[in-house]
PDB file of all heavy atoms in Angstrom:
ATOM      1  N   ALA A   1       0.841  -1.209   0.000  1.00  0.00           N
ATOM      2  CA  ALA A   1       0.000   0.000   0.000  1.00  0.00           C
ATOM      3  C   ALA A   1       0.872   1.254   0.000  1.00  0.00           C
ATOM      4  O   ALA A   1       0.593   2.214  -0.725  1.00  0.00           O
ATOM      5  CB  ALA A   1      -0.946  -0.007   1.194  1.00  0.00           C
ATOM      6  N   ARG A   2       1.963   1.250   0.805  1.00  0.00           N
ATOM      7  CA  ARG A   2       2.877   2.403   0.830  1.00  0.00           C
ATOM      8  C   ARG A   2       3.536   2.607  -0.538  1.00  0.00           C
ATOM      9  O   ARG A   2       3.736   3.735  -0.973  1.00  0.00           O
ATOM     10  CB  ARG A   2       3.949   2.231   1.899  1.00  0.00           C
ATOM     11  CG  ARG A   2       3.483   2.501   3.310  1.00  0.00           C
ATOM     12  CD  ARG A   2       4.631   2.567   4.304  1.00  0.00           C
ATOM     13  NE  ARG A   2       5.533   1.428   4.268  1.00  0.00           N
ATOM     14  CZ  ARG A   2       5.331   0.262   4.892  1.00  0.00           C
ATOM     15  NH1 ARG A   2       4.236   0.082   5.620  1.00  0.00           N
ATOM     16  NH2 ARG A   2       6.212  -0.707   4.818  1.00  0.00           N
ATOM     17  N   LEU A   3       3.868   1.516  -1.200  1.00  0.00           N
ATOM     18  CA  LEU A   3       4.543   1.609  -2.496  1.00  0.00           C
ATOM     19  C   LEU A   3       3.609   2.062  -3.622  1.00  0.00           C
ATOM     20  O   LEU A   3       4.079   2.449  -4.686  1.00  0.00           O
ATOM     21  CB  LEU A   3       5.185   0.268  -2.857  1.00  0.00           C
ATOM     22  CG  LEU A   3       6.363  -0.149  -1.969  1.00  0.00           C
ATOM     23  CD1 LEU A   3       6.793  -1.574  -2.296  1.00  0.00           C
ATOM     24  CD2 LEU A   3       7.530   0.831  -2.111  1.00  0.00           C
ATOM     25  N   GLU A   4       2.315   2.036  -3.385  1.00  0.00           N
ATOM     26  CA  GLU A   4       1.357   2.470  -4.409  1.00  0.00           C
ATOM     27  C   GLU A   4       1.497   3.953  -4.734  1.00  0.00           C
ATOM     28  O   GLU A   4       1.038   4.395  -5.792  1.00  0.00           O
ATOM     29  CB  GLU A   4      -0.078   2.162  -3.977  1.00  0.00           C
ATOM     30  CG  GLU A   4      -0.426   0.706  -4.089  1.00  0.00           C
ATOM     31  CD  GLU A   4      -1.862   0.421  -3.668  1.00  0.00           C
ATOM     32  OE1 GLU A   4      -2.740   1.281  -3.896  1.00  0.00           O
ATOM     33  OE2 GLU A   4      -2.101  -0.673  -3.127  1.00  0.00           O
ATOM     34  N   SER A   5       2.160   4.722  -3.888  1.00  0.00           N
ATOM     35  CA  SER A   5       2.397   6.142  -4.185  1.00  0.00           C
ATOM     36  C   SER A   5       3.304   6.289  -5.403  1.00  0.00           C
ATOM     37  O   SER A   5       3.277   7.311  -6.080  1.00  0.00           O
ATOM     38  CB  SER A   5       3.035   6.845  -2.989  1.00  0.00           C
ATOM     39  OG  SER A   5       4.393   6.429  -2.846  1.00  0.00           O
ATOM     40  N   ARG A   6       4.125   5.267  -5.658  1.00  0.00           N
ATOM     41  CA  ARG A   6       5.079   5.236  -6.777  1.00  0.00           C
ATOM     42  C   ARG A   6       6.178   6.280  -6.635  1.00  0.00           C
ATOM     43  O   ARG A   6       6.929   6.527  -7.570  1.00  0.00           O
ATOM     44  CB  ARG A   6       4.391   5.401  -8.140  1.00  0.00           C
ATOM     45  CG  ARG A   6       3.146   4.565  -8.350  1.00  0.00           C
ATOM     46  CD  ARG A   6       3.430   3.119  -8.610  1.00  0.00           C
ATOM     47  NE  ARG A   6       2.187   2.432  -8.962  1.00  0.00           N
ATOM     48  CZ  ARG A   6       1.841   1.250  -8.461  1.00  0.00           C
ATOM     49  NH1 ARG A   6       2.618   0.621  -7.636  1.00  0.00           N
ATOM     50  NH2 ARG A   6       0.710   0.691  -8.825  1.00  0.00           N
ATOM     51  N   ARG A   7       6.297   6.903  -5.460  1.00  0.00           N
ATOM     52  CA  ARG A   7       7.321   7.925  -5.226  1.00  0.00           C
ATOM     53  C   ARG A   7       7.884   7.805  -3.810  1.00  0.00           C
ATOM     54  O   ARG A   7       7.183   7.424  -2.888  1.00  0.00           O
ATOM     55  CB  ARG A   7       6.739   9.322  -5.362  1.00  0.00           C
ATOM     56  CG  ARG A   7       6.211   9.652  -6.720  1.00  0.00           C
ATOM     57  CD  ARG A   7       5.627  11.067  -6.726  1.00  0.00           C
ATOM     58  NE  ARG A   7       4.847  11.293  -7.916  1.00  0.00           N
ATOM     59  CZ  ARG A   7       5.361  11.705  -9.070  1.00  0.00           C
ATOM     60  NH1 ARG A   7       6.634  11.922  -9.161  1.00  0.00           N
ATOM     61  NH2 ARG A   7       4.579  11.889 -10.108  1.00  0.00           N
ATOM     62  N   SER A   8       9.146   8.205  -3.679  1.00  0.00           N
ATOM     63  CA  SER A   8       9.738   8.287  -2.349  1.00  0.00           C
ATOM     64  C   SER A   8       9.063   9.430  -1.588  1.00  0.00           C
ATOM     65  O   SER A   8       8.427  10.298  -2.188  1.00  0.00           O
ATOM     66  CB  SER A   8      11.244   8.536  -2.458  1.00  0.00           C
ATOM     67  OG  SER A   8      11.501   9.752  -3.135  1.00  0.00           O
ATOM     68  N   ALA A   9       9.210   9.431  -0.275  1.00  0.00           N
ATOM     69  CA  ALA A   9       8.567  10.453   0.553  1.00  0.00           C
ATOM     70  C   ALA A   9       8.995  11.864   0.160  1.00  0.00           C
ATOM     71  O   ALA A   9       8.195  12.800   0.202  1.00  0.00           O
ATOM     72  CB  ALA A   9       8.867  10.202   2.026  1.00  0.00           C
ATOM     73  N   ASP A  10      10.264  12.025  -0.251  1.00  0.00           N
ATOM     74  CA  ASP A  10      10.747  13.353  -0.650  1.00  0.00           C
ATOM     75  C   ASP A  10      10.462  13.676  -2.112  1.00  0.00           C
ATOM     76  O   ASP A  10      10.792  14.761  -2.591  1.00  0.00           O
ATOM     77  CB  ASP A  10      12.236  13.504  -0.347  1.00  0.00           C
ATOM     78  CG  ASP A  10      13.107  12.535  -1.144  1.00  0.00           C
ATOM     79  OD1 ASP A  10      12.599  11.823  -2.038  1.00  0.00           O
ATOM     80  OD2 ASP A  10      14.320  12.479  -0.848  1.00  0.00           O
ATOM     81  N   GLY A  11       9.864  12.739  -2.845  1.00  0.00           N
ATOM     82  CA  GLY A  11       9.517  12.960  -4.240  1.00  0.00           C
ATOM     83  C   GLY A  11      10.691  12.909  -5.203  1.00  0.00           C
ATOM     84  O   GLY A  11      10.524  13.156  -6.401  1.00  0.00           O
ATOM     85  N   MET A  12      11.867  12.557  -4.715  1.00  0.00           N
ATOM     86  CA  MET A  12      13.070  12.556  -5.554  1.00  0.00           C
ATOM     87  C   MET A  12      13.269  11.259  -6.338  1.00  0.00           C
ATOM     88  O   MET A  12      14.058  11.217  -7.266  1.00  0.00           O
ATOM     89  CB  MET A  12      14.312  12.835  -4.697  1.00  0.00           C
ATOM     90  CG  MET A  12      14.270  14.192  -4.001  1.00  0.00           C
ATOM     91  SD  MET A  12      14.132  15.575  -5.158  1.00  0.00           S
ATOM     92  CE  MET A  12      15.752  15.557  -5.862  1.00  0.00           C
ATOM     93  N   GLU A  13      12.578  10.216  -5.950  1.00  0.00           N
ATOM     94  CA  GLU A  13      12.698   8.933  -6.637  1.00  0.00           C
ATOM     95  C   GLU A  13      11.321   8.451  -7.067  1.00  0.00           C
ATOM     96  O   GLU A  13      10.332   8.693  -6.376  1.00  0.00           O
ATOM     97  CB  GLU A  13      13.317   7.878  -5.717  1.00  0.00           C
ATOM     98  CG  GLU A  13      14.720   8.190  -5.279  1.00  0.00           C
ATOM     99  CD  GLU A  13      15.232   7.224  -4.236  1.00  0.00           C
ATOM    100  OE1 GLU A  13      14.421   6.508  -3.603  1.00  0.00           O
ATOM    101  OE2 GLU A  13      16.446   7.192  -4.035  1.00  0.00           O
ATOM    102  N   HIS A  14      11.297   7.791  -8.182  1.00  0.00           N
ATOM    103  CA  HIS A  14      10.070   7.190  -8.692  1.00  0.00           C
ATOM    104  C   HIS A  14      10.204   5.686  -8.467  1.00  0.00           C
ATOM    105  O   HIS A  14      11.171   5.074  -8.934  1.00  0.00           O
ATOM    106  CB  HIS A  14       9.936   7.518 -10.176  1.00  0.00           C
ATOM    107  CG  HIS A  14       8.570   7.358 -10.714  1.00  0.00           C
ATOM    108  ND1 HIS A  14       8.247   7.670 -11.999  1.00  0.00           N
ATOM    109  CD2 HIS A  14       7.415   6.929 -10.173  1.00  0.00           C
ATOM    110  CE1 HIS A  14       6.980   7.434 -12.225  1.00  0.00           C
ATOM    111  NE2 HIS A  14       6.455   6.983 -11.126  1.00  0.00           N
ATOM    112  N   TRP A  15       9.260   5.096  -7.735  1.00  0.00           N
ATOM    113  CA  TRP A  15       9.297   3.678  -7.408  1.00  0.00           C
ATOM    114  C   TRP A  15       8.297   2.928  -8.269  1.00  0.00           C
ATOM    115  O   TRP A  15       7.094   3.177  -8.200  1.00  0.00           O
ATOM    116  CB  TRP A  15       8.940   3.458  -5.943  1.00  0.00           C
ATOM    117  CG  TRP A  15       9.898   4.040  -4.969  1.00  0.00           C
ATOM    118  CD1 TRP A  15      11.207   4.401  -5.182  1.00  0.00           C
ATOM    119  CD2 TRP A  15       9.643   4.324  -3.600  1.00  0.00           C
ATOM    120  NE1 TRP A  15      11.759   4.889  -4.030  1.00  0.00           N
ATOM    121  CE2 TRP A  15      10.819   4.856  -3.041  1.00  0.00           C
ATOM    122  CE3 TRP A  15       8.522   4.191  -2.799  1.00  0.00           C
ATOM    123  CZ2 TRP A  15      10.915   5.235  -1.719  1.00  0.00           C
ATOM    124  CZ3 TRP A  15       8.611   4.570  -1.470  1.00  0.00           C
ATOM    125  CH2 TRP A  15       9.797   5.082  -0.942  1.00  0.00           C
ATOM    126  N   LEU A  16       8.800   2.004  -9.060  1.00  0.00           N
ATOM    127  CA  LEU A  16       7.939   1.213  -9.927  1.00  0.00           C
ATOM    128  C   LEU A  16       8.076  -0.249  -9.545  1.00  0.00           C
ATOM    129  O   LEU A  16       9.185  -0.783  -9.500  1.00  0.00           O
ATOM    130  CB  LEU A  16       8.334   1.410 -11.394  1.00  0.00           C
ATOM    131  CG  LEU A  16       8.328   2.855 -11.886  1.00  0.00           C
ATOM    132  CD1 LEU A  16       8.830   2.925 -13.320  1.00  0.00           C
ATOM    133  CD2 LEU A  16       6.943   3.458 -11.767  1.00  0.00           C
ATOM    134  N   ASN A  17       6.960  -0.880  -9.282  1.00  0.00           N
ATOM    135  CA  ASN A  17       6.941  -2.286  -8.875  1.00  0.00           C
ATOM    136  C   ASN A  17       5.873  -3.014  -9.673  1.00  0.00           C
ATOM    137  O   ASN A  17       4.730  -2.566  -9.728  1.00  0.00           O
ATOM    138  CB  ASN A  17       6.606  -2.404  -7.375  1.00  0.00           C
ATOM    139  CG  ASN A  17       7.617  -1.691  -6.515  1.00  0.00           C
ATOM    140  OD1 ASN A  17       8.647  -2.236  -6.181  1.00  0.00           O
ATOM    141  ND2 ASN A  17       7.333  -0.436  -6.170  1.00  0.00           N
ATOM    142  N   TRP A  18       6.263  -4.126 -10.279  1.00  0.00           N
ATOM    143  CA  TRP A  18       5.327  -4.973 -11.010  1.00  0.00           C
ATOM    144  C   TRP A  18       5.387  -6.384 -10.442  1.00  0.00           C
ATOM    145  O   TRP A  18       6.476  -6.904 -10.183  1.00  0.00           O
ATOM    146  CB  TRP A  18       5.703  -5.079 -12.493  1.00  0.00           C
ATOM    147  CG  TRP A  18       5.469  -3.873 -13.325  1.00  0.00           C
ATOM    148  CD1 TRP A  18       4.337  -3.561 -14.006  1.00  0.00           C
ATOM    149  CD2 TRP A  18       6.402  -2.822 -13.622  1.00  0.00           C
ATOM    150  NE1 TRP A  18       4.498  -2.382 -14.715  1.00  0.00           N
ATOM    151  CE2 TRP A  18       5.765  -1.912 -14.483  1.00  0.00           C
ATOM    152  CE3 TRP A  18       7.721  -2.564 -13.233  1.00  0.00           C
ATOM    153  CZ2 TRP A  18       6.397  -0.776 -14.970  1.00  0.00           C
ATOM    154  CZ3 TRP A  18       8.349  -1.425 -13.702  1.00  0.00           C
ATOM    155  CH2 TRP A  18       7.680  -0.547 -14.566  1.00  0.00           C
ATOM    156  N   VAL A  19       4.231  -7.022 -10.270  1.00  0.00           N
ATOM    157  CA  VAL A  19       4.226  -8.442  -9.944  1.00  0.00           C
ATOM    158  C   VAL A  19       4.278  -9.205 -11.263  1.00  0.00           C
ATOM    159  O   VAL A  19       3.729  -8.760 -12.279  1.00  0.00           O
ATOM    160  CB  VAL A  19       2.997  -8.861  -9.098  1.00  0.00           C
ATOM    161  CG1 VAL A  19       3.065  -8.242  -7.712  1.00  0.00           C
ATOM    162  CG2 VAL A  19       1.684  -8.527  -9.795  1.00  0.00           C
ATOM    163  N   ILE A  20       4.959 -10.332 -11.234  1.00  0.00           N
ATOM    164  CA  ILE A  20       5.101 -11.174 -12.418  1.00  0.00           C
ATOM    165  C   ILE A  20       4.042 -12.264 -12.343  1.00  0.00           C
ATOM    166  O   ILE A  20       3.980 -13.010 -11.371  1.00  0.00           O
ATOM    167  CB  ILE A  20       6.489 -11.835 -12.476  1.00  0.00           C
ATOM    168  CG1 ILE A  20       7.606 -10.797 -12.414  1.00  0.00           C
ATOM    169  CG2 ILE A  20       6.612 -12.721 -13.730  1.00  0.00           C
ATOM    170  CD1 ILE A  20       8.997 -11.403 -12.174  1.00  0.00           C
ATOM    171  N   ALA A  21       3.222 -12.345 -13.390  1.00  0.00           N
ATOM    172  CA  ALA A  21       2.179 -13.376 -13.461  1.00  0.00           C
ATOM    173  C   ALA A  21       2.391 -14.224 -14.704  1.00  0.00           C
ATOM    174  O   ALA A  21       2.705 -13.697 -15.781  1.00  0.00           O
ATOM    175  CB  ALA A  21       0.794 -12.737 -13.507  1.00  0.00           C
ATOM    176  N   LEU A  22       2.217 -15.523 -14.532  1.00  0.00           N
ATOM    177  CA  LEU A  22       2.168 -16.397 -15.696  1.00  0.00           C
ATOM    178  C   LEU A  22       0.898 -16.076 -16.470  1.00  0.00           C
ATOM    179  O   LEU A  22      -0.026 -15.454 -15.929  1.00  0.00           O
ATOM    180  CB  LEU A  22       2.172 -17.859 -15.261  1.00  0.00           C
ATOM    181  CG  LEU A  22       3.427 -18.322 -14.516  1.00  0.00           C
ATOM    182  CD1 LEU A  22       3.242 -19.736 -13.990  1.00  0.00           C
ATOM    183  CD2 LEU A  22       4.656 -18.237 -15.418  1.00  0.00           C
ATOM    184  N   ARG A  23       0.783 -16.522 -17.698  1.00  0.00           N
ATOM    185  CA  ARG A  23      -0.405 -16.236 -18.498  1.00  0.00           C
ATOM    186  C   ARG A  23      -1.681 -16.787 -17.871  1.00  0.00           C
ATOM    187  O   ARG A  23      -2.768 -16.289 -18.128  1.00  0.00           O
ATOM    188  CB  ARG A  23      -0.235 -16.775 -19.927  1.00  0.00           C
ATOM    189  CG  ARG A  23       0.725 -15.955 -20.775  1.00  0.00           C
ATOM    190  CD  ARG A  23       0.153 -14.574 -21.012  1.00  0.00           C
ATOM    191  NE  ARG A  23       1.039 -13.776 -21.847  1.00  0.00           N
ATOM    192  CZ  ARG A  23       0.625 -13.001 -22.806  1.00  0.00           C
ATOM    193  NH1 ARG A  23      -0.651 -12.902 -23.091  1.00  0.00           N
ATOM    194  NH2 ARG A  23       1.481 -12.295 -23.495  1.00  0.00           N
ATOM    195  N   ASP A  24      -1.542 -17.814 -17.003  1.00  0.00           N
ATOM    196  CA  ASP A  24      -2.737 -18.343 -16.322  1.00  0.00           C
ATOM    197  C   ASP A  24      -3.135 -17.488 -15.114  1.00  0.00           C
ATOM    198  O   ASP A  24      -4.109 -17.771 -14.437  1.00  0.00           O
ATOM    199  CB  ASP A  24      -2.539 -19.800 -15.917  1.00  0.00           C
ATOM    200  CG  ASP A  24      -1.494 -19.992 -14.818  1.00  0.00           C
ATOM    201  OD1 ASP A  24      -0.972 -19.000 -14.248  1.00  0.00           O
ATOM    202  OD2 ASP A  24      -1.184 -21.163 -14.514  1.00  0.00           O
ATOM    203  N   GLY A  25      -2.350 -16.440 -14.828  1.00  0.00           N
ATOM    204  CA  GLY A  25      -2.672 -15.521 -13.741  1.00  0.00           C
ATOM    205  C   GLY A  25      -1.925 -15.765 -12.444  1.00  0.00           C
ATOM    206  O   GLY A  25      -1.967 -14.923 -11.546  1.00  0.00           O
ATOM    207  N   ALA A  26      -1.244 -16.892 -12.313  1.00  0.00           N
ATOM    208  CA  ALA A  26      -0.521 -17.199 -11.074  1.00  0.00           C
ATOM    209  C   ALA A  26       0.669 -16.255 -10.902  1.00  0.00           C
ATOM    210  O   ALA A  26       1.480 -16.091 -11.819  1.00  0.00           O
ATOM    211  CB  ALA A  26      -0.040 -18.646 -11.091  1.00  0.00           C
ATOM    212  N   LEU A  27       0.759 -15.631  -9.724  1.00  0.00           N
ATOM    213  CA  LEU A  27       1.879 -14.743  -9.431  1.00  0.00           C
ATOM    214  C   LEU A  27       3.101 -15.569  -9.048  1.00  0.00           C
ATOM    215  O   LEU A  27       3.000 -16.544  -8.301  1.00  0.00           O
ATOM    216  CB  LEU A  27       1.521 -13.783  -8.301  1.00  0.00           C
ATOM    217  CG  LEU A  27       0.332 -12.856  -8.559  1.00  0.00           C
ATOM    218  CD1 LEU A  27       0.142 -11.884  -7.398  1.00  0.00           C
ATOM    219  CD2 LEU A  27       0.475 -12.108  -9.876  1.00  0.00           C
ATOM    220  N   ILE A  28       4.270 -15.152  -9.569  1.00  0.00           N
ATOM    221  CA  ILE A  28       5.488 -15.929  -9.324  1.00  0.00           C
ATOM    222  C   ILE A  28       6.671 -15.078  -8.875  1.00  0.00           C
ATOM    223  O   ILE A  28       7.750 -15.602  -8.641  1.00  0.00           O
ATOM    224  CB  ILE A  28       5.892 -16.741 -10.576  1.00  0.00           C
ATOM    225  CG1 ILE A  28       6.183 -15.824 -11.760  1.00  0.00           C
ATOM    226  CG2 ILE A  28       4.805 -17.759 -10.910  1.00  0.00           C
ATOM    227  CD1 ILE A  28       6.830 -16.538 -12.941  1.00  0.00           C
ATOM    228  N   GLY A  29       6.499 -13.761  -8.732  1.00  0.00           N
ATOM    229  CA  GLY A  29       7.593 -12.907  -8.294  1.00  0.00           C
ATOM    230  C   GLY A  29       7.311 -11.455  -8.612  1.00  0.00           C
ATOM    231  O   GLY A  29       6.169 -11.069  -8.866  1.00  0.00           O
ATOM    232  N   PHE A  30       8.375 -10.658  -8.612  1.00  0.00           N
ATOM    233  CA  PHE A  30       8.232  -9.243  -8.948  1.00  0.00           C
ATOM    234  C   PHE A  30       9.506  -8.704  -9.577  1.00  0.00           C
ATOM    235  O   PHE A  30      10.580  -9.285  -9.445  1.00  0.00           O
ATOM    236  CB  PHE A  30       7.845  -8.395  -7.723  1.00  0.00           C
ATOM    237  CG  PHE A  30       8.905  -8.299  -6.661  1.00  0.00           C
ATOM    238  CD1 PHE A  30       9.954  -7.393  -6.762  1.00  0.00           C
ATOM    239  CD2 PHE A  30       8.839  -9.095  -5.528  1.00  0.00           C
ATOM    240  CE1 PHE A  30      10.924  -7.301  -5.773  1.00  0.00           C
ATOM    241  CE2 PHE A  30       9.795  -9.006  -4.531  1.00  0.00           C
ATOM    242  CZ  PHE A  30      10.845  -8.106  -4.657  1.00  0.00           C
ATOM    243  N   VAL A  31       9.352  -7.593 -10.285  1.00  0.00           N
ATOM    244  CA  VAL A  31      10.470  -6.780 -10.761  1.00  0.00           C
ATOM    245  C   VAL A  31      10.203  -5.365 -10.272  1.00  0.00           C
ATOM    246  O   VAL A  31       9.048  -4.973 -10.084  1.00  0.00           O
ATOM    247  CB  VAL A  31      10.626  -6.802 -12.304  1.00  0.00           C
ATOM    248  CG1 VAL A  31      11.108  -8.153 -12.788  1.00  0.00           C
ATOM    249  CG2 VAL A  31       9.353  -6.395 -13.012  1.00  0.00           C
TER     250      VAL A  31
END
């Protein structure tokens, strides 16, 4: 939930997080 802002608290960094899903929808990790 905190990472959903996509930014650091000071606004100097942009945080991008993706979950990795197989085509069947199963989550297997993140980048």
